Amino acid sequence: MPRSKRSKVVTLARTQKRGTVRKDGLIERLRTSLDEYAYVYVFSFENLRTTYLKDVRDKWEASRFYLGKNKVLQVGLGRSASEERYKDVHFLGKHLTGNRGLFFTNSPKEDVLSFFNTYKQDDHARSGFAATQTVTVPEGPLVDWAHSLEPLLKKLGMPTRLVKGVIHVDREWTVCKEGQPVTPEQAKILKLMDIKMSEFKITMLYMWSKDSESVEQLLSDEEIAAATSDSSSSSCAQFHDDDESPEVIELDLNQLTA
């Protein structure tokens, strides 16, 4: 009887997973960075955006940012004294929790803190963000709004109608309430109103230096707790730090918002 020519299931169990290769590459690059840079910082971030992070990276083009799975970063630093490349650098890994990353640089501590303590960018709130204020639209005409927006506003839930080519709000309408999560529809309306509630910023929490071979806490426990609380409420976006070598960091660009 002739052999069947139907498609057969072929197992690929012996094939090495691509993720493993990328993790190994990240760990090796991170260890190389330990050799090249004098300072390593653990930082937290809030409301991460691709545009703003690229802007920061451009300003610090001689330095390196690492964002990704904290456990992989911990392996790169060393999970214990026996695994670490430099004395006490493994203690940084214990602080890699939640929305945090690593920053490698040769710039003096004063320059780093001076920049990141003042660098902030206001942005429009995304879905899920806790509103920082209550926003209402009064009853009456929206003179400055193009009439072509009326179908969109109505679709987003705003009680509107066209009167002689001008958008009218039938009654006072609340867009969002302070402290409550913003819905996708509310986020679109807030963007149309150009109301910015969220703020992108990076906070340096801990620093290790080759000179001291020790980890220094840069903020008080209360300030670190506040920064961690704020960053945990924002989405954990992830980012490639090397455009030419995207495998440097095992990250998901689809989670980023521009």
Protein backbone atom coordinates (compact mmCIF):
# COMPACT_ATOMS: atom_id res chain seq x y z
CA MET A 1 0.00 0.00 0.00
CA PRO A 2 1.52 3.38 -1.00
CA ARG A 3 2.60 5.76 1.77
CA SER A 4 0.13 8.54 2.56
CA LYS A 5 1.07 11.98 1.22
CA ARG A 6 -1.11 13.83 3.70
CA SER A 7 0.44 16.54 5.84
CA LYS A 8 2.03 15.20 8.98
CA VAL A 9 2.59 16.92 12.31
CA VAL A 10 6.30 17.45 12.89
CA THR A 11 7.43 18.26 16.43
CA LEU A 12 9.87 21.13 16.85
CA ALA A 13 10.56 20.39 20.48
CA ARG A 14 14.30 20.21 19.86
CA THR A 15 14.39 23.69 18.36
CA GLN A 16 15.94 26.26 20.70
CA LYS A 17 13.45 28.89 21.77
CA ARG A 18 14.13 32.36 20.38
CA GLY A 19 13.37 33.90 23.75
CA THR A 20 16.26 32.04 25.33
CA VAL A 21 18.69 33.45 22.78
CA ARG A 22 17.45 36.99 23.38
CA LYS A 23 17.66 36.63 27.13
CA ASP A 24 21.22 35.34 26.91
CA GLY A 25 22.10 38.25 24.61
CA LEU A 26 20.60 40.77 27.04
CA ILE A 27 22.44 39.28 30.00
CA GLU A 28 25.75 39.37 28.15
CA ARG A 29 25.26 42.98 27.01
CA LEU A 30 24.29 44.02 30.50
CA ARG A 31 27.47 42.47 31.89
CA THR A 32 29.48 44.22 29.20
CA SER A 33 27.89 47.51 30.28
CA LEU A 34 29.08 46.83 33.81
CA ASP A 35 32.63 46.81 32.45
CA GLU A 36 32.13 49.99 30.41
CA TYR A 37 30.32 52.26 32.86
CA ALA A 38 31.23 53.57 36.30
CA TYR A 39 27.70 54.11 37.64
CA VAL A 40 24.58 51.97 37.61
CA TYR A 41 21.19 53.35 38.70
CA VAL A 42 17.87 51.69 39.44
CA PHE A 43 15.05 53.98 38.32
CA SER A 44 11.27 53.94 38.29
CA PHE A 45 9.13 55.45 35.55
CA GLU A 46 5.62 56.81 35.24
CA ASN A 47 3.38 56.99 32.17
CA LEU A 48 6.04 55.73 29.78
CA ARG A 49 5.80 57.01 26.20
CA THR A 50 7.99 56.11 23.24
CA THR A 51 8.51 59.71 22.14
CA TYR A 52 9.62 60.97 25.53
CA LEU A 53 11.85 58.01 26.29
CA LYS A 54 13.61 58.41 22.94
CA ASP A 55 14.09 62.08 23.76
CA VAL A 56 15.76 61.14 27.05
CA ARG A 57 17.90 58.53 25.33
CA ASP A 58 19.06 61.10 22.77
CA LYS A 59 20.09 63.44 25.57
CA TRP A 60 22.05 60.61 27.18
CA GLU A 61 23.36 58.95 24.03
CA ALA A 62 26.64 58.00 25.72
CA SER A 63 24.74 56.07 28.42
CA ARG A 64 22.52 52.99 28.36
CA PHE A 65 18.95 52.27 29.48
CA TYR A 66 17.71 48.75 30.17
CA LEU A 67 14.00 47.99 30.55
CA GLY A 68 12.58 44.50 30.52
CA LYS A 69 11.88 41.52 32.71
CA ASN A 70 13.30 42.26 36.13
CA LYS A 71 14.40 38.67 36.69
CA VAL A 72 16.51 38.75 33.53
CA LEU A 73 18.12 42.02 34.60
CA GLN A 74 18.82 40.51 38.01
CA VAL A 75 20.64 37.60 36.40
CA GLY A 76 22.76 40.08 34.44
CA LEU A 77 23.78 41.87 37.63
CA GLY A 78 24.18 38.64 39.54
CA ARG A 79 21.67 37.24 41.97
CA SER A 80 24.22 36.74 44.75
CA ALA A 81 27.76 37.62 45.72
CA SER A 82 29.03 34.47 44.02
CA GLU A 83 27.42 35.44 40.68
CA GLU A 84 28.13 39.18 40.61
CA ARG A 85 30.79 40.67 38.34
CA TYR A 86 31.67 43.50 40.74
CA LYS A 87 31.43 43.71 44.50
CA ASP A 88 27.93 44.34 45.92
CA VAL A 89 26.40 45.16 42.52
CA HIS A 90 23.97 42.27 43.01
CA PHE A 91 22.21 44.31 45.73
CA LEU A 92 20.82 46.53 42.96
CA GLY A 93 18.87 43.54 41.65
CA LYS A 94 16.92 43.30 44.88
CA HIS A 95 15.42 46.70 44.08
CA LEU A 96 14.27 45.71 40.57
CA THR A 97 10.55 45.31 41.20
CA GLY A 98 7.53 46.61 39.33
CA ASN A 99 8.03 49.34 36.75
CA ARG A 100 11.77 49.80 37.13
CA GLY A 101 14.88 49.63 34.99
CA LEU A 102 18.63 50.12 34.92
CA PHE A 103 20.62 53.14 33.75
CA PHE A 104 24.35 52.87 33.03
CA THR A 105 26.46 56.00 32.71
CA ASN A 106 29.88 57.54 33.24
CA SER A 107 28.42 60.98 34.01
CA PRO A 108 28.85 62.37 37.54
CA LYS A 109 26.08 61.76 40.05
CA GLU A 110 25.32 65.49 40.29
CA ASP A 111 24.65 65.76 36.54
CA VAL A 112 22.40 62.72 36.50
CA LEU A 113 20.25 63.80 39.44
CA SER A 114 20.10 67.40 38.25
CA PHE A 115 18.64 66.29 34.93
CA PHE A 116 16.18 63.62 36.06
CA ASN A 117 14.90 65.60 39.05
CA THR A 118 13.68 68.29 36.67
CA TYR A 119 12.80 66.39 33.49
CA LYS A 120 9.03 65.97 33.17
CA GLN A 121 6.65 65.89 30.21
CA ASP A 122 2.90 66.46 30.42
CA ASP A 123 0.77 64.18 28.28
CA HIS A 124 -2.84 63.25 27.61
CA ALA A 125 -4.36 60.63 29.87
CA ARG A 126 -4.72 57.11 28.51
CA SER A 127 -7.43 54.59 29.25
CA GLY A 128 -7.18 53.34 32.83
CA PHE A 129 -5.39 56.43 34.14
CA ALA A 130 -6.86 57.84 37.36
CA ALA A 131 -8.22 61.31 36.54
CA THR A 132 -6.50 64.11 38.44
CA GLN A 133 -9.47 66.47 38.16
CA THR A 134 -13.16 66.53 37.37
CA VAL A 135 -13.87 67.87 33.89
CA THR A 136 -17.31 69.07 32.80
CA VAL A 137 -18.63 70.53 29.57
CA PRO A 138 -21.25 73.27 30.12
CA GLU A 139 -24.56 73.32 28.31
CA GLY A 140 -24.52 75.42 25.17
CA PRO A 141 -22.58 75.91 21.92
CA LEU A 142 -19.02 74.72 21.30
CA VAL A 143 -18.04 77.61 19.06
CA ASP A 144 -14.39 76.66 18.64
CA TRP A 145 -15.12 73.07 17.61
CA ALA A 146 -15.52 72.07 13.96
CA HIS A 147 -19.02 70.89 13.11
CA SER A 148 -17.56 67.73 11.58
CA LEU A 149 -16.68 66.52 15.09
CA GLU A 150 -20.32 66.29 16.16
CA PRO A 151 -20.88 62.64 15.06
CA LEU A 152 -17.69 61.59 16.83
CA LEU A 153 -18.63 63.41 20.06
CA LYS A 154 -22.06 61.83 20.03
CA LYS A 155 -20.49 58.41 19.46
CA LEU A 156 -18.23 59.01 22.45
CA GLY A 157 -21.24 59.68 24.66
CA MET A 158 -21.48 63.47 24.71
CA PRO A 159 -25.11 64.71 24.36
CA THR A 160 -24.67 66.94 21.30
CA ARG A 161 -26.58 68.15 18.25
CA LEU A 162 -25.94 70.51 15.36
CA VAL A 163 -27.71 73.88 15.35
CA LYS A 164 -27.03 75.94 12.22
CA GLY A 165 -23.66 74.30 11.77
CA VAL A 166 -22.57 74.77 15.40
CA ILE A 167 -22.19 71.93 17.90
CA HIS A 168 -24.48 72.36 20.92
CA VAL A 169 -24.30 70.42 24.19
CA ASP A 170 -27.86 69.67 25.34
CA ARG A 171 -26.99 69.67 29.05
CA GLU A 172 -24.01 70.04 31.35
CA TRP A 173 -22.02 66.89 30.87
CA THR A 174 -19.25 65.37 32.99
CA VAL A 175 -16.34 64.05 30.97
CA CYS A 176 -14.54 62.41 33.92
CA LYS A 177 -14.41 62.53 37.70
CA GLU A 178 -11.34 63.00 39.84
CA GLY A 179 -9.88 59.74 41.13
CA GLN A 180 -11.85 57.52 38.76
CA PRO A 181 -10.21 55.55 35.91
CA VAL A 182 -10.51 57.22 32.51
CA THR A 183 -12.35 55.16 29.88
CA PRO A 184 -11.20 54.99 26.23
CA GLU A 185 -14.06 57.31 25.23
CA GLN A 186 -13.23 59.82 27.94
CA ALA A 187 -9.54 59.74 26.98
CA LYS A 188 -10.43 60.66 23.38
CA ILE A 189 -12.59 63.58 24.50
CA LEU A 190 -9.90 64.86 26.87
CA LYS A 191 -7.41 64.73 24.02
CA LEU A 192 -9.79 66.70 21.80
CA MET A 193 -10.05 69.25 24.60
CA ASP A 194 -6.23 69.22 24.91
CA ILE A 195 -6.41 68.54 28.64
CA LYS A 196 -3.22 66.84 29.84
CA MET A 197 -3.44 64.95 33.12
CA SER A 198 -0.60 62.44 33.03
CA GLU A 199 3.08 63.17 33.48
CA PHE A 200 6.05 61.22 32.16
CA LYS A 201 9.06 61.21 34.44
CA ILE A 202 11.95 59.01 35.50
CA THR A 203 12.99 58.86 39.15
CA MET A 204 16.44 57.64 40.19
CA LEU A 205 16.13 55.47 43.31
CA TYR A 206 19.43 53.70 43.92
CA MET A 207 23.00 54.04 42.65
CA TRP A 208 26.00 51.73 42.58
CA SER A 209 29.48 53.02 41.70
CA LYS A 210 32.74 51.25 40.95
CA ASP A 211 34.65 53.60 43.23
CA SER A 212 32.68 52.88 46.38
CA GLU A 213 31.58 49.36 45.39
CA SER A 214 28.37 49.90 47.33
CA VAL A 215 24.71 50.73 46.73
CA GLU A 216 23.47 54.17 47.77
CA GLN A 217 19.80 54.96 48.37
CA LEU A 218 19.05 58.29 46.72
CA LEU A 219 15.62 59.01 48.24
CA SER A 220 13.93 58.46 51.57
CA ASP A 221 11.82 55.34 52.10
CA GLU A 222 8.67 57.46 51.92
CA GLU A 223 9.70 59.07 48.62
CA ILE A 224 10.58 55.71 47.10
CA ALA A 225 7.24 54.26 48.22
CA ALA A 226 5.42 57.20 46.63
CA ALA A 227 7.36 56.85 43.37
CA THR A 228 6.68 53.11 43.29
CA SER A 229 2.98 53.65 43.94
CA ASP A 230 2.72 56.19 41.12
CA SER A 231 4.62 54.04 38.63
CA SER A 232 2.64 50.90 39.44
CA SER A 233 -0.56 52.71 38.47
CA SER A 234 0.80 53.51 35.01
CA SER A 235 1.11 50.99 32.23
CA CYS A 236 4.38 49.05 32.10
CA ALA A 237 5.54 49.78 28.60
CA GLN A 238 8.71 48.28 27.27
CA PHE A 239 11.35 49.61 24.96
CA HIS A 240 14.28 48.58 22.77
CA ASP A 241 17.41 50.52 23.66
CA ASP A 242 19.34 49.79 20.47
CA ASP A 243 17.68 50.39 17.09
CA GLU A 244 20.41 48.49 15.25
CA SER A 245 20.26 45.50 17.60
CA PRO A 246 16.63 45.05 18.70
CA GLU A 247 17.53 41.80 20.45
CA VAL A 248 19.44 43.77 23.10
CA ILE A 249 16.36 43.85 25.30
CA GLU A 250 13.55 41.34 25.30
CA LEU A 251 10.65 43.75 25.17
CA ASP A 252 7.21 44.22 23.64
CA LEU A 253 6.97 47.35 21.53
CA ASN A 254 3.24 46.76 21.00
CA GLN A 255 2.61 47.91 24.58
CA LEU A 256 4.06 51.34 23.89
CA THR A 257 1.94 54.40 23.30
CA ALA A 258 3.33 57.26 21.29
